[in-house]
Amino acid sequence: MLIDTHCHLDAREFEHDRLTVIGRASENGVAAIVIPAVARSNFNTVRELAHTFKGGAYALGIHPICIPGAQESDLVELEFQIQQSLADPRFVAIGEIGLDFFIPALTEPDIRVKQEFFYATQLDLAQRYKLPVLLHVRRSQDILLKHLRKRPHIGGIAHAFNGSFQQAEQFIRHGFALGFGGAMTFTRALQIRRLAAQLPLEALVLETDAPDIPPAWLGEPGGLPARNEPGEVTRIADVMAQLREMACADLIRATAVNAKRVLPRLDTVLASGI
């Protein structure tokens, strides 16, 4: 059972052929797609989209890249939307949340402080409502972990993980799985490939982050990469299986078990066939 644990299916890149993209993913064996929100403006969009196809699921949160333009009232609205969604089995996590210290504009002192405030507040919501989180992790692993240590019962997925083995082990100890996608398919991504090959199998989940982070086979030498899609998780799984020197079917089975463990409500979506 293939699960794309992180896909921005609501993105404008899919505006003209979204149904076709969903159909292609299903034909490629993808049983579930988790669609994270990024801002107040798309809370309703991801919820409604997840309800349009079998295996659709969603998360609600405010992405660190969107925080410069966000207001504290957005956090109030987020909590209201969480409360309204608790009875919906397709609502599986708080996300996408986290910290981004890669983009220069987001490292300005006032924005950095605002990022941490929004991250900590959203972690508190996850703790209050006993929900996992989908974490954006970009040059911010240690500070993300610092806040998690204060809230030891929060788990989830560290999306697009690209830290050290030591940092990976700390996230795993906190109850997180680590998401691997298109970046892992590039032979030059030595650290990510080592992580995917050597970390415990029970700590890994698959993702695409579509339309972003396209896998190697979608790129053209010297040109712009093609749009990523959730159906690409099939070949991404094959790459991870090769790196781990195991049967792809076993890898797919294990990562699905992992995804349902860290996102327990997702198991209800899959078990009920909705």
Protein backbone atom coordinates (compact mmCIF):
# COMPACT_ATOMS: atom_id res chain seq x y z
CA MET A 1 0.00 0.00 0.00
CA LEU A 2 1.66 3.19 -1.20
CA ILE A 3 1.08 6.36 0.80
CA ASP A 4 2.22 9.83 -0.22
CA THR A 5 2.51 11.41 3.22
CA HIS A 6 3.12 14.94 1.92
CA CYS A 7 1.64 16.39 -1.27
CA HIS A 8 0.47 19.95 -1.98
CA LEU A 9 -2.24 18.75 -4.31
CA ASP A 10 -4.10 22.04 -3.99
CA ALA A 11 -1.23 23.98 -5.61
CA ARG A 12 -1.97 26.05 -8.70
CA GLU A 13 0.37 23.82 -10.73
CA PHE A 14 -2.43 21.22 -10.67
CA GLU A 15 -5.20 23.68 -11.49
CA HIS A 16 -5.84 22.42 -15.03
CA ASP A 17 -5.52 18.65 -14.57
CA ARG A 18 -5.91 17.83 -10.89
CA LEU A 19 -8.40 15.00 -11.46
CA THR A 20 -6.09 13.45 -14.02
CA VAL A 21 -3.17 13.67 -11.59
CA ILE A 22 -5.21 11.97 -8.87
CA GLY A 23 -6.26 9.27 -11.30
CA ARG A 24 -2.67 8.67 -12.37
CA ALA A 25 -1.61 8.30 -8.75
CA SER A 26 -4.35 5.73 -8.17
CA GLU A 27 -3.30 3.81 -11.29
CA ASN A 28 0.25 3.76 -9.91
CA GLY A 29 -0.95 2.12 -6.70
CA VAL A 30 -1.11 5.16 -4.42
CA ALA A 31 -3.76 4.38 -1.80
CA ALA A 32 -3.63 7.63 0.19
CA ILE A 33 -2.42 11.20 -0.24
CA VAL A 34 -1.97 13.59 2.68
CA ILE A 35 -2.50 17.25 1.73
CA PRO A 36 -1.06 19.78 4.23
CA ALA A 37 -2.30 23.33 4.51
CA VAL A 38 0.21 26.18 4.49
CA ALA A 39 -1.86 29.22 5.50
CA ARG A 40 -5.27 30.32 6.71
CA SER A 41 -6.23 30.97 3.11
CA ASN A 42 -6.15 27.29 2.16
CA PHE A 43 -7.56 25.58 5.27
CA ASN A 44 -10.92 25.04 3.57
CA THR A 45 -9.31 24.21 0.22
CA VAL A 46 -7.29 21.25 1.47
CA ARG A 47 -10.23 19.94 3.49
CA GLU A 48 -12.60 20.06 0.55
CA LEU A 49 -10.03 18.58 -1.83
CA ALA A 50 -9.30 15.65 0.47
CA HIS A 51 -13.00 14.78 0.40
CA THR A 52 -13.09 14.52 -3.40
CA PHE A 53 -11.24 11.23 -3.81
CA LYS A 54 -10.73 7.89 -2.12
CA GLY A 55 -7.75 7.97 0.24
CA GLY A 56 -7.66 11.75 0.53
CA ALA A 57 -6.49 13.15 3.87
CA TYR A 58 -5.44 16.59 5.07
CA ALA A 59 -3.57 18.53 7.73
CA LEU A 60 -4.12 22.08 8.98
CA GLY A 61 -1.30 24.44 9.85
CA ILE A 62 0.68 27.56 8.98
CA HIS A 63 3.90 27.02 7.02
CA PRO A 64 7.01 28.95 8.12
CA ILE A 65 7.35 30.51 4.66
CA CYS A 66 3.88 32.03 5.11
CA ILE A 67 4.56 33.40 8.57
CA PRO A 68 5.91 36.85 7.56
CA GLY A 69 2.42 37.72 6.27
CA ALA A 70 0.49 35.86 8.98
CA GLN A 71 -1.31 37.41 11.94
CA GLU A 72 -1.89 36.06 15.44
CA SER A 73 -5.58 35.93 14.54
CA ASP A 74 -4.63 33.18 12.06
CA LEU A 75 -3.66 31.01 15.00
CA VAL A 76 -7.06 31.64 16.58
CA GLU A 77 -8.71 30.62 13.32
CA LEU A 78 -6.48 27.54 13.11
CA GLU A 79 -7.64 26.36 16.51
CA PHE A 80 -11.27 26.92 15.52
CA GLN A 81 -10.73 24.92 12.31
CA ILE A 82 -9.04 22.13 14.27
CA GLN A 83 -12.01 21.93 16.62
CA GLN A 84 -14.40 21.81 13.67
CA SER A 85 -12.39 19.04 12.00
CA LEU A 86 -11.83 16.68 14.91
CA ALA A 87 -14.84 14.57 13.97
CA ASP A 88 -13.55 14.23 10.39
CA PRO A 89 -11.40 11.09 10.01
CA ARG A 90 -9.68 12.61 6.98
CA PHE A 91 -8.13 15.25 9.24
CA VAL A 92 -4.90 13.55 10.29
CA ALA A 93 -2.38 16.13 11.61
CA ILE A 94 -1.32 19.68 12.33
CA GLY A 95 0.78 20.83 9.40
CA GLU A 96 2.69 21.93 7.60
CA ILE A 97 4.45 23.70 10.46
CA GLY A 98 8.06 24.16 11.48
CA LEU A 99 11.02 26.46 10.91
CA ASP A 100 12.92 27.56 7.81
CA PHE A 101 16.35 29.13 8.29
CA PHE A 102 17.46 28.55 4.70
CA ILE A 103 15.70 31.43 2.94
CA PRO A 104 17.63 34.62 3.84
CA ALA A 105 14.50 36.75 4.38
CA LEU A 106 13.27 34.26 6.97
CA THR A 107 16.46 34.56 9.02
CA GLU A 108 15.96 38.26 9.82
CA PRO A 109 15.85 38.52 13.64
CA ASP A 110 12.21 39.64 13.90
CA ILE A 111 11.00 37.01 11.42
CA ARG A 112 13.03 34.32 13.13
CA VAL A 113 11.36 35.16 16.45
CA LYS A 114 7.95 35.16 14.78
CA GLN A 115 8.64 31.76 13.22
CA GLU A 116 9.48 30.28 16.61
CA PHE A 117 6.35 31.80 18.16
CA PHE A 118 4.09 30.34 15.48
CA TYR A 119 5.86 26.98 15.67
CA ALA A 120 5.60 26.77 19.46
CA THR A 121 1.96 27.82 19.44
CA GLN A 122 1.07 25.21 16.84
CA LEU A 123 2.92 22.55 18.83
CA ASP A 124 0.79 23.54 21.81
CA LEU A 125 -2.33 23.04 19.69
CA ALA A 126 -1.08 19.60 18.65
CA GLN A 127 -0.51 18.71 22.29
CA ARG A 128 -3.90 20.10 23.36
CA TYR A 129 -5.81 18.13 20.75
CA LYS A 130 -3.56 15.06 20.82
CA LEU A 131 -2.60 15.28 17.15
CA PRO A 132 0.65 14.53 15.32
CA VAL A 133 2.47 17.19 13.31
CA LEU A 134 3.96 17.46 9.83
CA LEU A 135 7.24 19.31 10.27
CA HIS A 136 9.03 21.54 7.78
CA VAL A 137 12.71 20.99 8.58
CA ARG A 138 15.20 23.22 6.78
CA ARG A 139 18.44 24.19 8.54
CA SER A 140 16.44 24.21 11.77
CA GLN A 141 16.65 20.69 13.17
CA ASP A 142 18.18 21.55 16.54
CA ILE A 143 15.73 24.35 17.35
CA LEU A 144 12.79 22.22 16.25
CA LEU A 145 14.02 19.53 18.63
CA LYS A 146 14.49 22.05 21.45
CA HIS A 147 10.78 22.87 21.34
CA LEU A 148 9.80 19.21 21.02
CA ARG A 149 11.72 18.31 24.17
CA LYS A 150 9.34 20.56 26.08
CA ARG A 151 6.41 18.61 24.63
CA PRO A 152 7.54 14.97 24.73
CA HIS A 153 4.24 13.40 23.65
CA ILE A 154 4.04 14.97 20.19
CA GLY A 155 4.99 12.80 17.22
CA GLY A 156 4.46 12.89 13.49
CA ILE A 157 6.65 13.21 10.41
CA ALA A 158 9.80 15.25 9.83
CA HIS A 159 9.12 16.03 6.19
CA ALA A 160 11.92 16.08 3.57
CA PHE A 161 14.48 15.17 6.21
CA ASN A 162 18.04 16.26 5.48
CA GLY A 163 19.83 16.38 8.83
CA SER A 164 22.54 14.35 10.48
CA PHE A 165 22.24 10.80 11.78
CA GLN A 166 22.34 12.16 15.33
CA GLN A 167 19.47 14.56 14.61
CA ALA A 168 17.55 11.78 12.89
CA GLU A 169 17.91 9.59 15.96
CA GLN A 170 16.58 12.38 18.16
CA PHE A 171 13.48 12.84 16.01
CA ILE A 172 12.94 9.08 16.04
CA ARG A 173 13.20 9.00 19.84
CA HIS A 174 10.49 11.68 19.96
CA GLY A 175 8.15 9.39 18.03
CA PHE A 176 8.69 10.82 14.55
CA ALA A 177 9.06 9.12 11.21
CA LEU A 178 11.28 10.76 8.62
CA GLY A 179 9.95 11.60 5.16
CA PHE A 180 11.99 10.83 2.03
CA GLY A 181 11.08 11.80 -1.51
CA GLY A 182 12.54 13.15 -4.73
CA ALA A 183 15.79 14.47 -3.26
CA MET A 184 16.78 10.90 -2.40
CA THR A 185 16.70 9.90 -6.09
CA PHE A 186 19.70 12.07 -7.04
CA THR A 187 22.99 10.19 -6.91
CA ARG A 188 24.79 13.34 -5.74
CA ALA A 189 22.53 13.54 -2.62
CA LEU A 190 24.98 11.37 -0.69
CA GLN A 191 23.87 12.24 2.85
CA ILE A 192 20.16 11.82 2.16
CA ARG A 193 20.80 8.50 0.43
CA ARG A 194 22.91 7.28 3.36
CA LEU A 195 20.12 8.20 5.75
CA ALA A 196 17.54 6.40 3.62
CA ALA A 197 19.75 3.32 3.39
CA GLN A 198 20.94 3.07 6.98
CA LEU A 199 18.24 4.43 9.31
CA PRO A 200 15.87 1.87 10.87
CA LEU A 201 13.20 0.84 8.41
CA GLU A 202 10.49 1.51 10.99
CA ALA A 203 11.47 5.21 10.97
CA LEU A 204 10.87 5.85 7.26
CA VAL A 205 7.89 7.07 5.25
CA LEU A 206 7.51 8.03 1.59
CA GLU A 207 6.46 11.39 0.18
CA THR A 208 6.61 13.52 -2.95
CA ASP A 209 6.06 17.12 -1.75
CA ALA A 210 4.49 17.55 -5.19
CA PRO A 211 4.56 19.75 -7.15
CA ASP A 212 7.95 20.51 -5.55
CA ILE A 213 11.14 18.43 -5.11
CA PRO A 214 10.81 16.49 -8.38
CA PRO A 215 12.78 13.23 -8.60
CA ALA A 216 15.84 12.89 -10.79
CA TRP A 217 14.02 11.38 -13.76
CA LEU A 218 11.83 14.50 -14.15
CA GLY A 219 14.78 16.86 -14.51
CA GLU A 220 16.41 17.88 -17.76
CA PRO A 221 20.16 18.60 -17.85
CA GLY A 222 20.62 22.36 -17.79
CA GLY A 223 16.87 22.94 -17.85
CA LEU A 224 13.98 23.43 -15.48
CA PRO A 225 12.61 20.32 -13.75
CA ALA A 226 9.18 19.08 -14.64
CA ARG A 227 6.26 19.23 -12.24
CA ASN A 228 6.27 16.55 -9.57
CA GLU A 229 3.14 14.43 -8.97
CA PRO A 230 1.90 12.08 -6.22
CA GLY A 231 2.10 9.15 -8.64
CA GLU A 232 5.90 9.48 -8.63
CA VAL A 233 5.97 7.98 -5.13
CA THR A 234 5.91 4.58 -6.85
CA ARG A 235 9.37 5.04 -8.36
CA ILE A 236 10.59 6.85 -5.26
CA ALA A 237 9.74 3.70 -3.31
CA ASP A 238 11.75 1.67 -5.81
CA VAL A 239 14.80 3.89 -5.30
CA MET A 240 14.60 3.54 -1.53
CA ALA A 241 14.25 -0.24 -1.86
CA GLN A 242 17.36 -0.35 -4.05
CA LEU A 243 19.32 1.75 -1.56
CA ARG A 244 18.29 -0.62 1.23
CA GLU A 245 18.85 -3.73 -0.92
CA MET A 246 15.39 -5.09 -0.22
CA ALA A 247 12.29 -6.04 -2.17
CA CYS A 248 10.22 -3.01 -3.14
CA ALA A 249 7.00 -4.72 -2.03
CA ASP A 250 8.44 -5.16 1.47
CA LEU A 251 9.57 -1.54 1.55
CA ILE A 252 6.13 -0.30 0.51
CA ARG A 253 4.45 -2.48 3.10
CA ALA A 254 6.74 -1.28 5.90
CA THR A 255 6.50 2.41 5.08
CA ALA A 256 2.70 2.19 4.97
CA VAL A 257 2.69 0.63 8.43
CA ASN A 258 4.95 3.44 9.62
CA ALA A 259 2.73 6.14 8.13
CA LYS A 260 -0.35 4.73 9.82
CA ARG A 261 1.51 4.48 13.13
CA VAL A 262 2.60 8.12 13.21
CA LEU A 263 -0.66 9.38 11.66
CA PRO A 264 -3.18 7.13 13.43
CA ARG A 265 -6.25 8.78 11.92
CA LEU A 266 -4.94 7.86 8.47
CA ASP A 267 -5.48 4.22 9.36
CA THR A 268 -9.20 4.95 9.71
CA VAL A 269 -9.29 6.51 6.24
CA LEU A 270 -7.65 3.46 4.70
CA ALA A 271 -9.54 0.87 6.75
CA SER A 272 -12.93 2.40 5.95
CA GLY A 273 -12.15 2.84 2.26
CA ILE A 274 -13.32 6.45 2.19
